[in-house]
Amino acid sequence: MWLASPGLKVYLGLGETDMRKSIDGLCILVSKQLIQDPLSGHMFIFCNRRRTIMKILYWDTNGFCLWQKDSSQPVP
């Protein structure tokens, strides 16, 4: 089970994101597009153009976590 820290903030990357990006590419987006520190411990969420794939980037105490959710139906 994952417990969120009390000061956790969630940032949503606006627009579309190339879902081929992995941790390094998403960290660059966090730094340049969201103007945030990827090592801050906050969650950063990115979606593809059709909104059928979502990736969440999160820095834990000893490394990055990258979660991906695929959906066969687009979100209305």
C-alpha atoms as a PDB file:
ATOM      1  CA  MET A   1       0.000   0.000   0.000  1.00  0.00           C
ATOM      2  CA  TRP A   2       1.197   3.503  -0.828  1.00  0.00           C
ATOM      3  CA  LEU A   3       0.666   6.347   1.637  1.00  0.00           C
ATOM      4  CA  ALA A   4       0.842   9.934   0.391  1.00  0.00           C
ATOM      5  CA  SER A   5       2.837  12.428   2.403  1.00  0.00           C
ATOM      6  CA  PRO A   6       0.858  15.300   3.968  1.00  0.00           C
ATOM      7  CA  GLY A   7       2.461  17.986   1.766  1.00  0.00           C
ATOM      8  CA  LEU A   8       2.029  16.107  -1.510  1.00  0.00           C
ATOM      9  CA  LYS A   9       1.068  18.251  -4.504  1.00  0.00           C
ATOM     10  CA  VAL A  10      -0.186  16.916  -7.833  1.00  0.00           C
ATOM     11  CA  TYR A  11       0.742  18.716 -11.055  1.00  0.00           C
ATOM     12  CA  LEU A  12      -0.969  18.063 -14.377  1.00  0.00           C
ATOM     13  CA  GLY A  13       0.968  18.637 -17.584  1.00  0.00           C
ATOM     14  CA  LEU A  14      -1.379  20.509 -19.914  1.00  0.00           C
ATOM     15  CA  GLY A  15      -1.601  19.531 -23.565  1.00  0.00           C
ATOM     16  CA  GLU A  16      -0.475  16.288 -25.089  1.00  0.00           C
ATOM     17  CA  THR A  17       2.625  14.334 -24.149  1.00  0.00           C
ATOM     18  CA  ASP A  18       4.520  11.814 -26.248  1.00  0.00           C
ATOM     19  CA  MET A  19       3.979   8.594 -24.291  1.00  0.00           C
ATOM     20  CA  ARG A  20       7.231   7.144 -25.608  1.00  0.00           C
ATOM     21  CA  LYS A  21       8.996   9.352 -23.062  1.00  0.00           C
ATOM     22  CA  SER A  22      10.418   7.557 -20.077  1.00  0.00           C
ATOM     23  CA  ILE A  23      11.702   8.912 -16.770  1.00  0.00           C
ATOM     24  CA  ASP A  24      14.433  11.119 -18.277  1.00  0.00           C
ATOM     25  CA  GLY A  25      12.135  12.700 -20.871  1.00  0.00           C
ATOM     26  CA  LEU A  26       9.381  13.330 -18.346  1.00  0.00           C
ATOM     27  CA  CYS A  27      11.865  14.892 -15.917  1.00  0.00           C
ATOM     28  CA  ILE A  28      12.826  17.365 -18.639  1.00  0.00           C
ATOM     29  CA  LEU A  29       9.139  18.226 -19.135  1.00  0.00           C
ATOM     30  CA  VAL A  30       8.715  18.760 -15.399  1.00  0.00           C
ATOM     31  CA  SER A  31      11.709  21.097 -15.322  1.00  0.00           C
ATOM     32  CA  LYS A  32      11.085  23.039 -18.534  1.00  0.00           C
ATOM     33  CA  GLN A  33       7.279  22.971 -18.993  1.00  0.00           C
ATOM     34  CA  LEU A  34       5.983  22.890 -15.419  1.00  0.00           C
ATOM     35  CA  ILE A  35       9.008  24.745 -13.975  1.00  0.00           C
ATOM     36  CA  GLN A  36       9.159  22.364 -11.018  1.00  0.00           C
ATOM     37  CA  ASP A  37      11.813  20.146  -9.462  1.00  0.00           C
ATOM     38  CA  PRO A  38      11.281  16.485 -10.414  1.00  0.00           C
ATOM     39  CA  LEU A  39      13.027  15.478  -7.155  1.00  0.00           C
ATOM     40  CA  SER A  40      10.544  17.431  -5.003  1.00  0.00           C
ATOM     41  CA  GLY A  41       8.476  14.363  -4.087  1.00  0.00           C
ATOM     42  CA  HIS A  42       5.357  15.725  -5.787  1.00  0.00           C
ATOM     43  CA  MET A  43       3.384  13.828  -8.455  1.00  0.00           C
ATOM     44  CA  PHE A  44       3.472  14.874 -12.098  1.00  0.00           C
ATOM     45  CA  ILE A  45       0.757  13.566 -14.419  1.00  0.00           C
ATOM     46  CA  PHE A  46       0.912  13.492 -18.227  1.00  0.00           C
ATOM     47  CA  CYS A  47      -1.653  12.308 -20.811  1.00  0.00           C
ATOM     48  CA  ASN A  48      -1.483  11.496 -24.507  1.00  0.00           C
ATOM     49  CA  ARG A  49      -3.464  13.343 -27.202  1.00  0.00           C
ATOM     50  CA  ARG A  50      -6.477  10.988 -27.102  1.00  0.00           C
ATOM     51  CA  ARG A  51      -6.374  10.821 -23.278  1.00  0.00           C
ATOM     52  CA  THR A  52      -6.198   7.036 -23.336  1.00  0.00           C
ATOM     53  CA  ILE A  53      -2.805   6.792 -21.625  1.00  0.00           C
ATOM     54  CA  MET A  54      -1.712   8.485 -18.428  1.00  0.00           C
ATOM     55  CA  LYS A  55       1.758   8.482 -16.859  1.00  0.00           C
ATOM     56  CA  ILE A  56       2.540   9.577 -13.326  1.00  0.00           C
ATOM     57  CA  LEU A  57       6.090  10.472 -12.315  1.00  0.00           C
ATOM     58  CA  TYR A  58       6.978  10.519  -8.634  1.00  0.00           C
ATOM     59  CA  TRP A  59      10.281  10.734  -6.739  1.00  0.00           C
ATOM     60  CA  ASP A  60      10.437   8.373  -3.789  1.00  0.00           C
ATOM     61  CA  THR A  61      13.217   8.373  -1.201  1.00  0.00           C
ATOM     62  CA  ASN A  62      15.546   6.200  -3.282  1.00  0.00           C
ATOM     63  CA  GLY A  63      14.458   6.662  -6.905  1.00  0.00           C
ATOM     64  CA  PHE A  64      11.739   7.504  -9.390  1.00  0.00           C
ATOM     65  CA  CYS A  65       8.411   5.717  -9.679  1.00  0.00           C
ATOM     66  CA  LEU A  66       6.708   5.751 -13.057  1.00  0.00           C
ATOM     67  CA  TRP A  67       3.126   4.543 -13.241  1.00  0.00           C
ATOM     68  CA  GLN A  68       1.246   4.083 -16.496  1.00  0.00           C
ATOM     69  CA  LYS A  69      -2.464   3.543 -17.022  1.00  0.00           C
ATOM     70  CA  ASP A  70      -3.802   2.457 -20.429  1.00  0.00           C
ATOM     71  CA  SER A  71      -7.479   2.667 -21.283  1.00  0.00           C
ATOM     72  CA  SER A  72      -9.142   1.343 -24.410  1.00  0.00           C
ATOM     73  CA  GLN A  73     -11.835   4.034 -24.242  1.00  0.00           C
ATOM     74  CA  PRO A  74     -11.029   7.764 -24.351  1.00  0.00           C
ATOM     75  CA  VAL A  75     -12.142   9.879 -21.413  1.00  0.00           C
ATOM     76  CA  PRO A  76     -15.059  12.173 -22.370  1.00  0.00           C
END
